[in-house]
Amino acid sequence: MAQRDKKHVGLRESTARAGDLEFAYLECGDGPLALCLHGFPDSPYTWRHLLPALATHGYRAVAPFMRGYAPTSIPTSGVYQTAALARDANALHDALGGDEHAVIIGHDWGAPSVCGAALDAPQRWSRVVSMAVPPGPALGAAFISNLAQIQRSWYMFFFQHGLANHVVAANDLAFIDMLWEQWSPGYDATEDLAHVKAALRDATNLQAALGYYRATLGDGPRDPDLASLQQRMGAEYPSQPTLYLHGVNDGCIGRDVAELARGMSPAHVRFEFVDNAGHFLQLEQPKRVNELITEFVGR
């Protein structure tokens, strides 16, 4: 049952059963579905500027708490590979009454997830927007040969160790404060951190969030039925018109990786670099990001 968020006027809170999970989400507006997926360490409130803009352009803009992020349920399977996130998006498309005019938008972990959803069910999504993690194989290539990116991604390797369970949780999740400071220098994330910590403060939710990394680089559980889609996600691009946005000052994924991706991508994938923005560009430069996205998805 939807209810109005008292602070973020115009955003409604609701839940939907999609696949084997109960998803909590924020929404705004009416019309074709615009599904917005957040990343780590973040929450649906990262879209608080974009959702009303999409609603103004005639969309029903929906931002779920991703699997494992409270109050969305935790999967009993313990599976967090990105192909599972892509299937979650397609299940949400069905649960929310999406049609062929739906668009899908993702940031950080949400970025490969939306590309995977569009690959897996191209008939569901008319346009794709990904942000902060480039599409295609460029990031995987950077992990082999780009020492600067390997250094920026140190936390991903640290998360494979059991010690991370305790370190990330310590001092009211101070580790998360540090990542935001490093990835988006100079941005005041006070409001965002409150939402993130509410979603991850419980140990089971934090382990779910770390499980995304363990399923990618470590020995986290993987669903063998998702292996084919997972392989495609590492090598292919959505067939739909696709927009990729990257903050020039991103401290998580370097611009050099995004430039490599641009050189590898097909012509229908459009790249835009946002000045004076780091990793959380949709929060740092909301006006510019909103303009780029709403112009691209139309209505």
Protein backbone atom coordinates (compact mmCIF):
# COMPACT_ATOMS: atom_id res chain seq x y z
CA MET A 1 0.00 0.00 0.00
CA ALA A 2 1.51 3.28 -1.11
CA GLN A 3 2.12 6.12 1.26
CA ARG A 4 3.60 9.58 0.81
CA ASP A 5 7.16 10.16 1.98
CA LYS A 6 6.91 13.08 4.39
CA LYS A 7 10.29 14.59 3.54
CA HIS A 8 10.55 13.92 -0.18
CA VAL A 9 7.25 15.32 -1.33
CA GLY A 10 5.90 13.61 -4.43
CA LEU A 11 7.66 10.29 -3.78
CA ARG A 12 5.48 7.38 -2.75
CA GLU A 13 6.61 4.24 -0.96
CA SER A 14 5.21 0.83 -1.83
CA THR A 15 6.10 -2.86 -2.23
CA ALA A 16 5.77 -5.46 -4.94
CA ARG A 17 6.41 -9.19 -5.20
CA ALA A 18 8.78 -9.89 -8.09
CA GLY A 19 10.26 -13.33 -8.57
CA ASP A 20 11.02 -14.77 -5.15
CA LEU A 21 11.58 -11.40 -3.46
CA GLU A 22 9.44 -8.71 -1.88
CA PHE A 23 10.77 -5.39 -3.16
CA ALA A 24 10.27 -2.05 -1.43
CA TYR A 25 10.44 0.92 -3.75
CA LEU A 26 9.95 4.64 -4.24
CA GLU A 27 7.83 5.90 -7.12
CA CYS A 28 6.64 9.09 -8.70
CA GLY A 29 4.32 9.88 -11.61
CA ASP A 30 2.17 7.88 -14.00
CA GLY A 31 2.76 6.45 -17.47
CA PRO A 32 5.21 3.98 -18.97
CA LEU A 33 7.65 2.47 -16.48
CA ALA A 34 11.05 4.08 -15.88
CA LEU A 35 12.92 1.69 -13.59
CA CYS A 36 15.95 3.15 -11.75
CA LEU A 37 18.44 0.80 -10.05
CA HIS A 38 20.93 1.98 -7.43
CA GLY A 39 24.37 0.65 -6.58
CA PHE A 40 26.71 0.33 -3.59
CA PRO A 41 26.82 1.89 -1.08
CA ASP A 42 23.59 3.64 -1.96
CA SER A 43 19.79 3.51 -1.82
CA PRO A 44 16.81 4.46 -4.03
CA TYR A 45 17.03 7.98 -2.60
CA THR A 46 19.98 8.50 -4.93
CA TRP A 47 17.26 9.05 -7.56
CA ARG A 48 15.34 11.69 -5.58
CA HIS A 49 16.14 14.38 -8.16
CA LEU A 50 15.59 12.22 -11.24
CA LEU A 51 12.30 10.54 -10.28
CA PRO A 52 10.25 13.79 -10.31
CA ALA A 53 11.92 14.84 -13.58
CA LEU A 54 10.94 11.55 -15.21
CA ALA A 55 7.42 11.92 -13.83
CA THR A 56 7.18 15.38 -15.40
CA HIS A 57 8.09 13.81 -18.73
CA GLY A 58 5.24 11.31 -18.50
CA TYR A 59 6.81 8.28 -16.82
CA ARG A 60 5.96 6.22 -13.80
CA ALA A 61 9.42 6.42 -12.25
CA VAL A 62 10.24 3.59 -9.83
CA ALA A 63 13.39 3.07 -7.75
CA PRO A 64 13.56 -0.21 -5.79
CA PHE A 65 15.77 -1.13 -2.89
CA MET A 66 17.97 -3.74 -4.56
CA ARG A 67 18.00 -7.36 -3.37
CA GLY A 68 19.33 -7.56 0.16
CA TYR A 69 18.97 -3.83 0.90
CA ALA A 70 16.40 -3.26 3.67
CA PRO A 71 13.47 -3.21 3.51
CA THR A 72 13.63 -5.41 0.38
CA SER A 73 13.88 -9.07 1.34
CA ILE A 74 17.08 -11.10 1.40
CA PRO A 75 17.17 -14.03 -1.06
CA THR A 76 17.31 -17.42 0.64
CA SER A 77 19.62 -18.59 -2.15
CA GLY A 78 22.31 -16.09 -1.17
CA VAL A 79 22.83 -15.38 -4.89
CA TYR A 80 23.99 -11.85 -5.79
CA GLN A 81 25.62 -12.19 -9.21
CA THR A 82 24.77 -9.37 -11.59
CA ALA A 83 22.72 -11.68 -13.81
CA ALA A 84 20.40 -12.18 -10.83
CA LEU A 85 20.05 -8.40 -10.52
CA ALA A 86 19.19 -8.22 -14.22
CA ARG A 87 16.51 -10.88 -13.77
CA ASP A 88 15.18 -8.92 -10.78
CA ALA A 89 14.71 -5.91 -13.07
CA ASN A 90 12.78 -7.97 -15.59
CA ALA A 91 10.65 -9.48 -12.84
CA LEU A 92 9.89 -5.96 -11.61
CA HIS A 93 8.92 -4.95 -15.14
CA ASP A 94 6.25 -7.64 -15.05
CA ALA A 95 5.16 -6.98 -11.46
CA LEU A 96 4.77 -3.24 -12.09
CA GLY A 97 2.85 -3.61 -15.34
CA GLY A 98 5.61 -2.43 -17.65
CA ASP A 99 5.20 -2.54 -21.43
CA GLU A 100 7.40 -2.16 -24.50
CA HIS A 101 7.74 1.60 -23.87
CA ALA A 102 9.53 1.08 -20.53
CA VAL A 103 13.02 2.49 -20.01
CA ILE A 104 15.66 1.31 -17.56
CA ILE A 105 18.33 3.37 -15.77
CA GLY A 106 21.13 2.15 -13.50
CA HIS A 107 24.07 3.49 -11.50
CA ASP A 108 27.10 1.56 -10.17
CA TRP A 109 25.90 -2.06 -9.65
CA GLY A 110 22.69 -0.93 -11.29
CA ALA A 111 24.60 -0.11 -14.49
CA PRO A 112 25.61 -3.64 -15.54
CA SER A 113 22.26 -4.85 -14.18
CA VAL A 114 20.24 -2.67 -16.57
CA CYS A 115 22.41 -3.69 -19.49
CA GLY A 116 21.88 -7.33 -18.54
CA ALA A 117 18.13 -6.85 -18.23
CA ALA A 118 18.02 -5.28 -21.70
CA LEU A 119 20.07 -8.15 -23.15
CA ASP A 120 17.95 -10.77 -21.44
CA ALA A 121 14.56 -9.36 -22.43
CA PRO A 122 14.99 -6.71 -25.16
CA GLN A 123 11.24 -6.58 -25.80
CA ARG A 124 10.67 -5.11 -22.33
CA TRP A 125 12.94 -2.04 -22.56
CA SER A 126 12.94 0.65 -25.25
CA ARG A 127 15.99 2.59 -23.99
CA VAL A 128 18.84 2.00 -21.57
CA VAL A 129 20.81 4.46 -19.43
CA SER A 130 23.83 3.32 -17.42
CA MET A 131 26.07 5.40 -15.20
CA ALA A 132 29.48 5.17 -13.49
CA VAL A 133 30.32 1.58 -14.55
CA PRO A 134 30.94 1.39 -18.32
CA PRO A 135 29.14 -1.17 -20.48
CA GLY A 136 31.01 -3.97 -22.18
CA PRO A 137 34.36 -5.57 -21.35
CA ALA A 138 36.41 -2.43 -20.60
CA LEU A 139 36.32 -2.69 -16.80
CA GLY A 140 37.30 -6.35 -16.91
CA ALA A 141 40.23 -5.44 -19.14
CA ALA A 142 41.25 -2.68 -16.72
CA PHE A 143 41.46 -5.19 -13.87
CA ILE A 144 44.18 -6.99 -15.83
CA SER A 145 46.32 -4.15 -17.17
CA ASN A 146 45.35 -0.82 -15.57
CA LEU A 147 47.23 -0.52 -12.28
CA ALA A 148 45.61 2.83 -11.45
CA GLN A 149 42.16 1.26 -11.69
CA ILE A 150 43.25 -1.75 -9.68
CA GLN A 151 44.33 0.66 -6.97
CA ARG A 152 41.00 2.51 -7.14
CA SER A 153 39.19 -0.83 -6.84
CA TRP A 154 41.13 -2.03 -3.79
CA TYR A 155 37.96 -2.29 -1.71
CA MET A 156 36.54 -4.95 -4.04
CA PHE A 157 39.44 -7.24 -3.23
CA PHE A 158 39.28 -6.39 0.48
CA PHE A 159 35.61 -7.40 0.53
CA GLN A 160 36.62 -10.97 -0.32
CA HIS A 161 38.13 -11.36 3.17
CA GLY A 162 35.96 -12.20 6.15
CA LEU A 163 37.55 -9.32 8.06
CA ALA A 164 35.57 -6.95 5.87
CA ASN A 165 32.38 -8.03 7.63
CA HIS A 166 33.63 -6.38 10.81
CA VAL A 167 35.61 -3.47 9.37
CA VAL A 168 32.79 -2.14 7.19
CA ALA A 169 30.32 -2.39 10.09
CA ALA A 170 32.57 -0.68 12.64
CA ASN A 171 31.92 2.84 13.98
CA ASP A 172 28.44 3.07 12.46
CA LEU A 173 29.60 2.04 8.99
CA ALA A 174 32.36 4.67 8.83
CA PHE A 175 33.89 2.69 5.95
CA ILE A 176 30.95 3.81 3.81
CA ASP A 177 31.55 7.48 4.72
CA MET A 178 35.14 7.02 3.54
CA LEU A 179 34.11 5.58 0.17
CA TRP A 180 31.74 8.46 -0.55
CA GLU A 181 34.47 10.97 0.33
CA GLN A 182 36.94 9.24 -1.98
CA TRP A 183 34.55 8.66 -4.87
CA SER A 184 32.82 12.06 -4.91
CA PRO A 185 35.29 14.52 -3.37
CA GLY A 186 33.70 17.65 -1.95
CA TYR A 187 30.11 16.40 -2.08
CA ASP A 188 28.11 16.64 1.16
CA ALA A 189 26.59 13.17 1.44
CA THR A 190 25.01 13.62 4.88
CA GLU A 191 21.45 12.90 3.70
CA ASP A 192 22.50 10.05 1.42
CA LEU A 193 24.58 8.33 4.08
CA ALA A 194 21.63 8.29 6.46
CA HIS A 195 19.54 6.41 3.87
CA VAL A 196 22.38 4.03 2.97
CA LYS A 197 23.09 3.14 6.58
CA ALA A 198 19.43 2.54 7.31
CA ALA A 199 19.41 -0.01 4.48
CA LEU A 200 22.67 -1.73 5.52
CA ARG A 201 23.00 -1.32 9.28
CA ASP A 202 21.63 -4.79 10.03
CA ALA A 203 24.40 -7.38 9.65
CA THR A 204 22.34 -9.56 7.29
CA ASN A 205 21.79 -6.66 4.91
CA LEU A 206 25.44 -5.65 4.99
CA GLN A 207 26.48 -9.20 4.18
CA ALA A 208 24.07 -9.11 1.25
CA ALA A 209 25.70 -5.95 -0.10
CA LEU A 210 29.17 -7.45 0.25
CA GLY A 211 27.81 -10.57 -1.43
CA TYR A 212 27.58 -8.66 -4.71
CA TYR A 213 31.38 -8.43 -4.73
CA ARG A 214 31.93 -11.97 -3.54
CA ALA A 215 29.77 -13.32 -6.33
CA THR A 216 31.82 -11.33 -8.86
CA LEU A 217 35.42 -11.80 -7.72
CA GLY A 218 35.25 -14.46 -5.01
CA ASP A 219 33.52 -17.67 -4.05
CA GLY A 220 30.03 -16.28 -3.41
CA PRO A 221 27.10 -18.49 -4.45
CA ARG A 222 26.22 -18.43 -8.14
CA ASP A 223 23.15 -19.78 -9.85
CA PRO A 224 24.30 -22.06 -12.71
CA ASP A 225 21.10 -21.25 -14.59
CA LEU A 226 22.35 -17.67 -14.88
CA ALA A 227 25.78 -18.59 -16.29
CA SER A 228 24.88 -17.94 -19.92
CA LEU A 229 23.41 -14.50 -19.22
CA GLN A 230 26.35 -13.65 -16.96
CA GLN A 231 28.76 -14.46 -19.77
CA ARG A 232 26.83 -12.34 -22.25
CA MET A 233 26.81 -9.41 -19.84
CA GLY A 234 30.60 -9.35 -19.81
CA ALA A 235 30.95 -9.17 -23.57
CA GLU A 236 27.81 -7.82 -25.25
CA TYR A 237 25.90 -4.54 -25.43
CA PRO A 238 22.16 -3.91 -25.34
CA SER A 239 20.65 -3.61 -28.81
CA GLN A 240 18.50 -0.65 -27.72
CA PRO A 241 19.67 2.96 -27.90
CA THR A 242 21.93 3.30 -24.87
CA LEU A 243 23.24 6.34 -23.00
CA TYR A 244 26.27 6.10 -20.70
CA LEU A 245 27.09 8.90 -18.22
CA HIS A 246 30.36 9.29 -16.31
CA GLY A 247 31.53 11.91 -13.82
CA VAL A 248 34.81 13.52 -14.86
CA ASN A 249 36.12 13.41 -11.27
CA ASP A 250 34.96 9.86 -10.45
CA GLY A 251 37.23 8.42 -7.77
CA CYS A 252 35.86 4.91 -8.12
CA ILE A 253 36.04 4.20 -11.86
CA GLY A 254 38.56 6.39 -13.67
CA ARG A 255 37.72 8.40 -16.75
CA ASP A 256 40.43 6.46 -18.56
CA VAL A 257 38.36 3.29 -18.19
CA ALA A 258 35.27 5.07 -19.52
CA GLU A 259 37.28 6.40 -22.48
CA LEU A 260 38.49 2.86 -23.20
CA ALA A 261 34.88 1.70 -23.11
CA ARG A 262 33.84 4.45 -25.50
CA GLY A 263 36.44 3.28 -28.01
CA MET A 264 35.18 -0.31 -27.75
CA SER A 265 31.44 0.41 -27.90
CA PRO A 266 29.15 0.23 -30.95
CA ALA A 267 27.74 3.41 -32.48
CA HIS A 268 24.34 3.18 -30.79
CA VAL A 269 25.95 3.56 -27.34
CA ARG A 270 26.30 7.28 -26.61
CA PHE A 271 28.83 8.52 -24.04
CA GLU A 272 28.53 11.75 -22.06
CA PHE A 273 31.01 13.03 -19.46
CA VAL A 274 29.63 15.25 -16.70
CA ASP A 275 31.91 18.04 -15.46
CA ASN A 276 32.32 18.84 -11.76
CA ALA A 277 30.97 15.44 -10.75
CA GLY A 278 32.42 12.33 -9.21
CA HIS A 279 30.96 8.85 -8.86
CA PHE A 280 27.51 9.95 -7.63
CA LEU A 281 26.97 12.32 -10.52
CA GLN A 282 23.16 12.17 -10.34
CA LEU A 283 23.41 13.81 -6.90
CA GLU A 284 26.34 16.14 -7.57
CA GLN A 285 25.03 17.58 -10.85
CA PRO A 286 21.33 16.69 -10.83
CA LYS A 287 20.22 19.37 -13.28
CA ARG A 288 22.67 18.30 -15.97
CA VAL A 289 22.08 14.58 -15.43
CA ASN A 290 18.31 15.04 -15.46
CA GLU A 291 18.54 17.00 -18.70
CA LEU A 292 20.65 14.34 -20.40
CA ILE A 293 18.42 11.49 -19.31
CA THR A 294 15.03 13.07 -19.96
CA GLU A 295 16.15 14.29 -23.39
CA PHE A 296 17.36 10.79 -24.20
CA VAL A 297 14.31 8.82 -23.04
CA GLY A 298 11.86 11.34 -24.51
CA ARG A 299 8.03 11.28 -23.98
